[in-house]
Structure formats: C-alpha cells, structure tokens
C-alpha cells in the first residue's frame, strides 16, 4: 500500500483466536527433546476488542492461555497455572498513550469458563488431560457498560505449573470497548478538487478509536497507508481531522460535519503545508463484522 509524506514517496507493502476449552489429540510428530512444552497468552502482549452496542448479557472471549505441547504425553498431562491481575500494566499503558483506561469492573460481568477459579488476586486455571487451551470468557452485561469510560483487563502469568512461559507472552493487556455510533463500512468518494486521487469511489471502514473518534481503514483516500483520524463533536457534529504523517492545516475547515440522520460524514481539509486538498464524503453502508 502506498504512503504519502508531503509528496509521494514510493510504495510500501501493507499486510495487515484459539477458543474456549479445546480438546484434541496432538497433531504432528512428537518433538521429544527437540522442543519444550511451554505456556503463554496466545494474544499477548496486547489485544483490542470492539463490540457492537448491546443491552443484554453476552459471552465475550477476552484472551486465551495455551499449553504448547511437544508430544501427546505432554498434552495429556493435567496442568494448573495461575494468573494475577496487573493494574500496573494498565497504568503503564495509560502513561505511554496519554489514555485513561480502567480495569473492567467486576459488577458488569461473570466468568463463564469453569476452568477459571477465582483467587484473591487472579485465577487458577485447570488444564485437564488433552486440553491445550483455556479461554477467559465472560458474560458481559451490556446494560451496565458505561460508554463514557474506557475499560481494559491485564493479567500476568505467575505460575505456569512447572513449565516455562513463552518469552514475551507472559503478560496480556486487553482493551474491551463498544463500537461508537460512527463505526462501520462506508462508501467513500472524493471530489474533483481532491489531490492525488480526484473522483475516487471505493469502500472503506471507519474503525472506533474512542467514544467519538474513528480511524479510516485502510488509510488516506482509501488507498494509502497514512493514518487518518476523525473526531466528531457529539453536540455540534463538527468534525476535526488528524493525519500524523501529513499534518492538518489550521484552522480547520468549518464545513466538515457529521449528519446523524443519514450517517454521512463530509470532510474538508488540507495537509499542513497546504500542498494537498481533500474533500471527502463517507456514506454509511452497514456495520463492520
């Protein structure tokens, strides 16, 4: 995927969960001494979960602990591991990203997977013979989810049952959020005045990045990897633009606006140097998967 930096510079390639309690035989040749059985968080170090708005109680898989067995014998050995809540990991994330996430409150969910038994500061997780993964699944009450707050969970593997933990995969940080009103799949068009790709027509996604902000995917003009963010004022529906790689000329164009009735976003902006003009329209098609 191409990237614009003030002027066009080349082309860049762009590329962009084990579930529940799973039992299966070991697939493949036993590794014996050639490998070591170990334990890790499959999604470590970080996972972001965005849910469509709901008001009932729904099961949500948050993370998975996996036993990577080097043989059938190892797979069939029962195992107990322990994890500990790590609010300090959330604090570190907040400081690094200037965010304000807080630990998902216990009064809005219950743990579904019976393999997880609560301890004073976390959970013990049981792997029976043949289990290679246990998913931390919760029943989340959407009616109690406060959309004005940002929630996350963080855990550290403190006891791997005598097995080594996979380096760099012993801590999990997972954001649990609900998609905002602007999130979805959109028909994207540009005007004849737009630089680089005038009269563009394609399909893009606007992905939630906060209560009132979205990011364009796959990126600038639906064709480049430059990140572009839109923030919508929920009272006035005025839109502001952020494009870290190109910058945005200030003051921003007051014509940029969100229409909540038609779910249409119209955006007018120039990059910081004024070399490029963007006149964009996003027309809502439907929700993202």
Protein backbone atom coordinates (compact mmCIF):
# COMPACT_ATOMS: atom_id res chain seq x y z
CA UNK A 1 0.00 0.00 0.00
CA UNK A 2 1.24 3.44 -0.87
CA UNK A 3 2.09 6.17 1.59
CA UNK A 4 2.18 9.95 1.06
CA UNK A 5 4.70 12.04 3.01
CA UNK A 6 4.34 15.67 1.90
CA UNK A 7 4.87 14.37 -1.61
CA UNK A 8 4.54 10.80 -2.85
CA UNK A 9 7.43 8.58 -1.81
CA UNK A 10 7.34 5.14 -3.32
CA UNK A 11 5.16 2.26 -2.44
CA UNK A 12 5.04 0.22 0.71
CA UNK A 13 3.55 -3.23 1.11
CA UNK A 14 0.82 -3.41 3.72
CA UNK A 15 -0.29 -6.55 5.35
CA UNK A 16 -2.31 -6.38 7.80
CA UNK A 17 -8.26 -16.93 18.41
CA UNK A 18 -7.92 -20.20 19.75
CA UNK A 19 -11.26 -20.60 21.58
CA UNK A 20 -12.58 -21.87 24.95
CA UNK A 21 -11.67 -25.18 26.37
CA UNK A 22 -10.40 -27.22 23.42
CA UNK A 23 -9.53 -30.89 23.50
CA UNK A 24 -7.78 -32.64 20.66
CA UNK A 25 -5.03 -35.10 20.02
CA UNK A 26 -1.54 -33.82 19.34
CA UNK A 27 -1.27 -33.06 15.61
CA UNK A 28 2.09 -33.84 14.05
CA UNK A 29 5.20 -35.70 15.02
CA UNK A 30 6.18 -35.56 18.70
CA UNK A 31 9.13 -33.24 19.11
CA UNK A 32 10.69 -35.08 22.03
CA UNK A 33 13.94 -33.46 23.07
CA UNK A 34 13.75 -31.18 20.01
CA UNK A 35 11.23 -28.93 21.69
CA UNK A 36 9.91 -27.85 25.06
CA UNK A 37 6.33 -27.68 26.27
CA UNK A 38 5.53 -24.15 27.39
CA UNK A 39 2.62 -21.93 28.37
CA UNK A 40 1.66 -18.46 27.13
CA UNK A 41 -1.12 -15.96 26.48
CA UNK A 42 -1.96 -16.53 22.82
CA UNK A 43 -2.87 -12.89 22.13
CA UNK A 44 -0.04 -11.32 24.15
CA UNK A 45 1.10 -8.71 24.58
CA UNK A 46 -1.96 -6.72 23.54
CA UNK A 47 -5.47 -7.23 22.19
CA UNK A 48 -8.23 -4.75 21.32
CA UNK A 49 -11.86 -5.91 21.38
CA UNK A 50 -14.59 -3.66 19.96
CA UNK A 51 -18.15 -4.88 20.38
CA UNK A 52 -21.33 -3.73 18.68
CA UNK A 53 -23.67 -1.95 21.14
CA UNK A 54 -25.93 -4.31 23.12
CA UNK A 55 -28.07 -4.15 26.26
CA UNK A 56 -28.43 -7.85 27.11
CA UNK A 57 -25.84 -10.27 28.53
CA UNK A 58 -23.42 -11.75 26.01
CA UNK A 59 -20.43 -14.05 26.18
CA UNK A 60 -17.17 -12.40 25.14
CA UNK A 61 -13.82 -14.13 24.79
CA UNK A 62 -11.09 -11.89 26.19
CA UNK A 63 -7.87 -13.89 25.98
CA UNK A 64 -6.58 -17.46 25.72
CA UNK A 65 -3.97 -19.33 27.73
CA UNK A 66 -2.37 -22.06 25.64
CA UNK A 67 -0.24 -25.06 26.50
CA UNK A 68 2.09 -25.67 23.58
CA UNK A 69 2.83 -29.35 23.98
CA UNK A 70 5.82 -31.06 22.36
CA UNK A 71 4.20 -34.52 22.48
CA UNK A 72 0.96 -36.39 23.11
CA UNK A 73 2.28 -37.38 26.52
CA UNK A 74 2.82 -33.75 27.47
CA UNK A 75 -0.59 -32.76 26.09
CA UNK A 76 -2.30 -35.42 28.19
CA UNK A 77 -0.65 -34.34 31.43
CA UNK A 78 -3.09 -32.32 33.60
CA UNK A 79 -1.83 -28.84 34.45
CA UNK A 80 -2.75 -25.94 36.73
CA UNK A 81 -1.48 -22.44 36.02
CA UNK A 82 -2.11 -19.17 37.83
CA UNK A 83 -2.55 -15.60 36.65
CA UNK A 84 -2.63 -12.39 38.65
CA UNK A 85 -4.46 -9.15 37.89
CA UNK A 86 -1.97 -6.48 36.82
CA UNK A 87 -3.47 -2.99 37.12
CA UNK A 88 0.05 -1.59 36.87
CA UNK A 89 0.15 -2.73 33.24
CA UNK A 90 -2.92 -0.60 32.55
CA UNK A 91 -1.30 2.32 34.37
CA UNK A 92 1.82 1.99 32.21
CA UNK A 93 -0.29 1.88 29.04
CA UNK A 94 -2.19 4.99 30.13
CA UNK A 95 1.02 6.89 30.80
CA UNK A 96 2.59 5.89 27.50
CA UNK A 97 -0.52 6.66 25.41
CA UNK A 98 -1.95 9.52 27.48
CA UNK A 99 -5.10 7.44 27.95
CA UNK A 100 -7.43 6.77 30.88
CA UNK A 101 -8.33 3.08 30.80
CA UNK A 102 -9.52 1.43 33.98
CA UNK A 103 -9.87 -2.21 34.98
CA UNK A 104 -13.15 -3.73 33.77
CA UNK A 105 -15.40 -3.60 36.86
CA UNK A 106 -16.38 -6.98 38.26
CA UNK A 107 -20.02 -6.00 38.75
CA UNK A 108 -20.75 -5.92 35.00
CA UNK A 109 -19.64 -9.45 34.13
CA UNK A 110 -19.25 -13.02 35.36
CA UNK A 111 -16.63 -15.57 34.31
CA UNK A 112 -18.13 -18.30 32.13
CA UNK A 113 -15.34 -20.85 31.72
CA UNK A 114 -15.39 -23.17 34.79
CA UNK A 115 -11.70 -23.92 34.30
CA UNK A 116 -11.04 -20.47 35.82
CA UNK A 117 -11.36 -20.46 39.61
CA UNK A 118 -11.00 -17.12 41.37
CA UNK A 119 -8.19 -16.45 43.83
CA UNK A 120 -7.54 -13.40 46.00
CA UNK A 121 -5.80 -11.57 43.17
CA UNK A 122 -6.50 -13.53 39.99
CA UNK A 123 -7.32 -17.05 38.83
CA UNK A 124 -6.12 -20.63 38.87
CA UNK A 125 -6.73 -22.31 35.51
CA UNK A 126 -7.15 -26.06 35.16
CA UNK A 127 -5.99 -27.97 32.08
CA UNK A 128 -7.38 -31.49 32.09
CA UNK A 129 -5.81 -34.27 30.08
CA UNK A 130 -6.00 -33.32 26.42
CA UNK A 131 -6.71 -29.62 26.99
CA UNK A 132 -4.35 -27.37 25.08
CA UNK A 133 -6.19 -24.04 25.51
CA UNK A 134 -8.43 -22.29 28.01
CA UNK A 135 -10.23 -19.09 27.03
CA UNK A 136 -11.06 -16.40 29.56
CA UNK A 137 -14.70 -15.93 28.56
CA UNK A 138 -17.00 -13.55 30.39
CA UNK A 139 -20.76 -12.95 30.34
CA UNK A 140 -20.82 -9.18 29.87
CA UNK A 141 -23.92 -7.15 30.79
CA UNK A 142 -24.25 -4.54 28.05
CA UNK A 143 -26.83 -2.57 30.04
CA UNK A 144 -24.18 -1.83 32.68
CA UNK A 145 -21.39 -0.90 30.26
CA UNK A 146 -20.56 2.78 30.71
CA UNK A 147 -19.75 4.16 27.27
CA UNK A 148 -18.18 7.26 28.80
CA UNK A 149 -15.40 5.12 30.29
CA UNK A 150 -12.57 3.12 28.78
CA UNK A 151 -12.14 -0.43 30.08
CA UNK A 152 -9.33 -2.95 29.89
CA UNK A 153 -8.02 -6.02 31.67
CA UNK A 154 -4.42 -7.04 32.33
CA UNK A 155 -3.00 -10.25 33.76
CA UNK A 156 0.44 -11.73 34.40
CA UNK A 157 1.24 -15.43 34.37
CA UNK A 158 2.61 -16.07 37.85
CA UNK A 159 2.69 -19.87 37.96
CA UNK A 160 2.98 -21.99 34.84
CA UNK A 161 2.78 -25.31 36.63
CA UNK A 162 6.47 -26.05 36.35
CA UNK A 163 6.56 -25.37 32.61
CA UNK A 164 8.44 -22.43 31.12
CA UNK A 165 6.47 -19.40 29.95
CA UNK A 166 6.98 -18.25 26.38
CA UNK A 167 9.27 -15.21 26.47
CA UNK A 168 7.34 -12.00 25.92
CA UNK A 169 3.99 -13.80 26.10
CA UNK A 170 3.52 -13.99 29.88
CA UNK A 171 1.50 -10.75 30.16
CA UNK A 172 -1.74 -9.80 28.45
CA UNK A 173 -3.32 -6.35 28.12
CA UNK A 174 -6.78 -6.33 26.52
CA UNK A 175 -8.98 -3.34 25.79
CA UNK A 176 -12.70 -4.11 25.97
CA UNK A 177 -14.78 -1.47 24.25
CA UNK A 178 -18.06 -0.95 22.42
CA UNK A 179 -18.11 0.43 18.88
CA UNK A 180 -19.23 4.04 18.71
CA UNK A 181 -22.05 5.44 16.55
CA UNK A 182 -19.73 6.28 13.66
CA UNK A 183 -18.10 2.87 13.31
CA UNK A 184 -18.94 0.90 10.17
CA UNK A 185 -18.45 0.23 6.48
CA UNK A 186 -18.81 3.27 4.22
CA UNK A 187 -18.98 4.21 0.57
CA UNK A 188 -16.11 6.66 0.16
CA UNK A 189 -15.94 9.33 -2.55
CA UNK A 190 -13.74 12.33 -3.22
CA UNK A 191 -14.47 15.47 -5.19
CA UNK A 192 -12.83 16.62 -8.42
CA UNK A 193 -10.84 19.10 -6.30
CA UNK A 194 -9.19 16.39 -4.22
CA UNK A 195 -5.46 15.99 -4.73
CA UNK A 196 -3.80 12.75 -5.84
CA UNK A 197 -6.98 10.71 -6.43
CA UNK A 198 -9.85 13.01 -7.50
CA UNK A 199 -13.29 11.45 -8.05
CA UNK A 200 -12.28 8.43 -6.03
CA UNK A 201 -15.05 5.91 -5.25
CA UNK A 202 -14.36 2.89 -3.08
CA UNK A 203 -15.41 1.14 0.12
CA UNK A 204 -13.64 1.77 3.43
CA UNK A 205 -14.11 1.20 7.12
CA UNK A 206 -14.31 3.75 9.91
CA UNK A 207 -13.00 1.96 12.98
CA UNK A 208 -13.61 3.07 16.56
CA UNK A 209 -10.62 4.61 18.31
CA UNK A 210 -12.56 6.33 21.10
CA UNK A 211 -16.08 7.31 22.16
CA UNK A 212 -16.29 9.96 19.43
CA UNK A 213 -13.37 9.19 17.13
CA UNK A 214 -12.68 6.84 14.23
CA UNK A 215 -9.78 5.86 12.03
CA UNK A 216 -10.00 5.27 8.28
CA UNK A 217 -9.09 1.78 7.14
CA UNK A 218 -7.11 1.09 5.00
CA UNK A 219 -5.94 4.71 5.25
CA UNK A 220 -5.74 8.02 3.42
CA UNK A 221 -8.02 8.20 0.36
CA UNK A 222 -8.88 4.55 0.87
CA UNK A 223 -5.63 3.76 -0.94
CA UNK A 224 -2.63 4.83 1.15
CA UNK A 225 -1.30 3.65 4.50
CA UNK A 226 -1.17 7.15 6.05
CA UNK A 227 -3.29 7.10 9.20
CA UNK A 228 -6.26 9.49 9.23
CA UNK A 229 -8.48 10.08 12.26
CA UNK A 230 -11.77 11.95 12.58
CA UNK A 231 -13.21 13.25 15.85
CA UNK A 232 -16.90 14.18 15.93
CA UNK A 233 -18.31 16.65 18.45
CA UNK A 234 -21.41 14.84 19.80
CA UNK A 235 -23.21 18.16 20.43
CA UNK A 236 -22.46 20.16 17.27
CA UNK A 237 -21.46 17.26 14.94
CA UNK A 238 -18.44 19.31 13.83
CA UNK A 239 -15.54 17.16 12.64
CA UNK A 240 -11.82 17.65 13.18
CA UNK A 241 -9.12 15.76 11.28
CA UNK A 242 -5.80 14.31 12.38
CA UNK A 243 -3.19 12.92 10.00
CA UNK A 244 0.10 12.36 11.85
CA UNK A 245 2.20 11.84 8.71
CA UNK A 246 0.97 14.88 6.73
CA UNK A 247 -0.32 17.19 9.43
CA UNK A 248 -3.51 19.22 9.06
CA UNK A 249 -3.69 22.91 8.20
CA UNK A 250 -5.15 25.08 10.94
CA UNK A 251 -7.67 26.48 11.49
CA UNK A 252 -9.59 23.51 10.17
CA UNK A 253 -12.44 23.85 7.69
CA UNK A 254 -15.75 24.50 9.46
CA UNK A 255 -17.67 22.71 6.71
CA UNK A 256 -16.57 19.30 7.99
CA UNK A 257 -19.65 17.77 9.60
CA UNK A 258 -21.38 14.53 10.57
CA UNK A 259 -25.07 14.05 9.65
CA UNK A 260 -26.59 11.68 12.24
CA UNK A 261 -29.82 11.24 10.26
CA UNK A 262 -28.17 9.92 7.10
CA UNK A 263 -24.98 8.70 8.81
CA UNK A 264 -22.93 10.67 6.32
CA UNK A 265 -19.55 12.23 7.08
CA UNK A 266 -18.33 15.15 4.95
CA UNK A 267 -14.78 16.28 5.49
CA UNK A 268 -12.75 19.17 4.01
CA UNK A 269 -9.10 19.62 4.88
CA UNK A 270 -5.60 20.47 3.65
CA UNK A 271 -2.35 18.96 4.78
CA UNK A 272 -0.12 21.13 6.98
CA UNK A 273 1.89 22.61 4.11
CA UNK A 274 -1.21 23.28 2.03
CA UNK A 275 0.13 21.19 -0.85
CA UNK A 276 -2.80 18.76 -0.83
CA UNK A 277 -6.54 19.33 -0.70
CA UNK A 278 -9.01 16.69 0.46
CA UNK A 279 -12.79 16.84 0.01
CA UNK A 280 -14.25 13.56 1.19
CA UNK A 281 -17.69 12.00 1.69
CA UNK A 282 -18.43 8.85 3.68
CA UNK A 283 -21.88 7.30 3.25
CA UNK A 284 -22.83 4.55 5.71
CA UNK A 285 -23.38 1.07 4.26
CA UNK A 286 -23.57 -1.14 7.32
CA UNK A 287 -21.77 -2.42 10.42
CA UNK A 288 -18.33 -3.94 10.41
CA UNK A 289 -18.15 -7.70 11.14
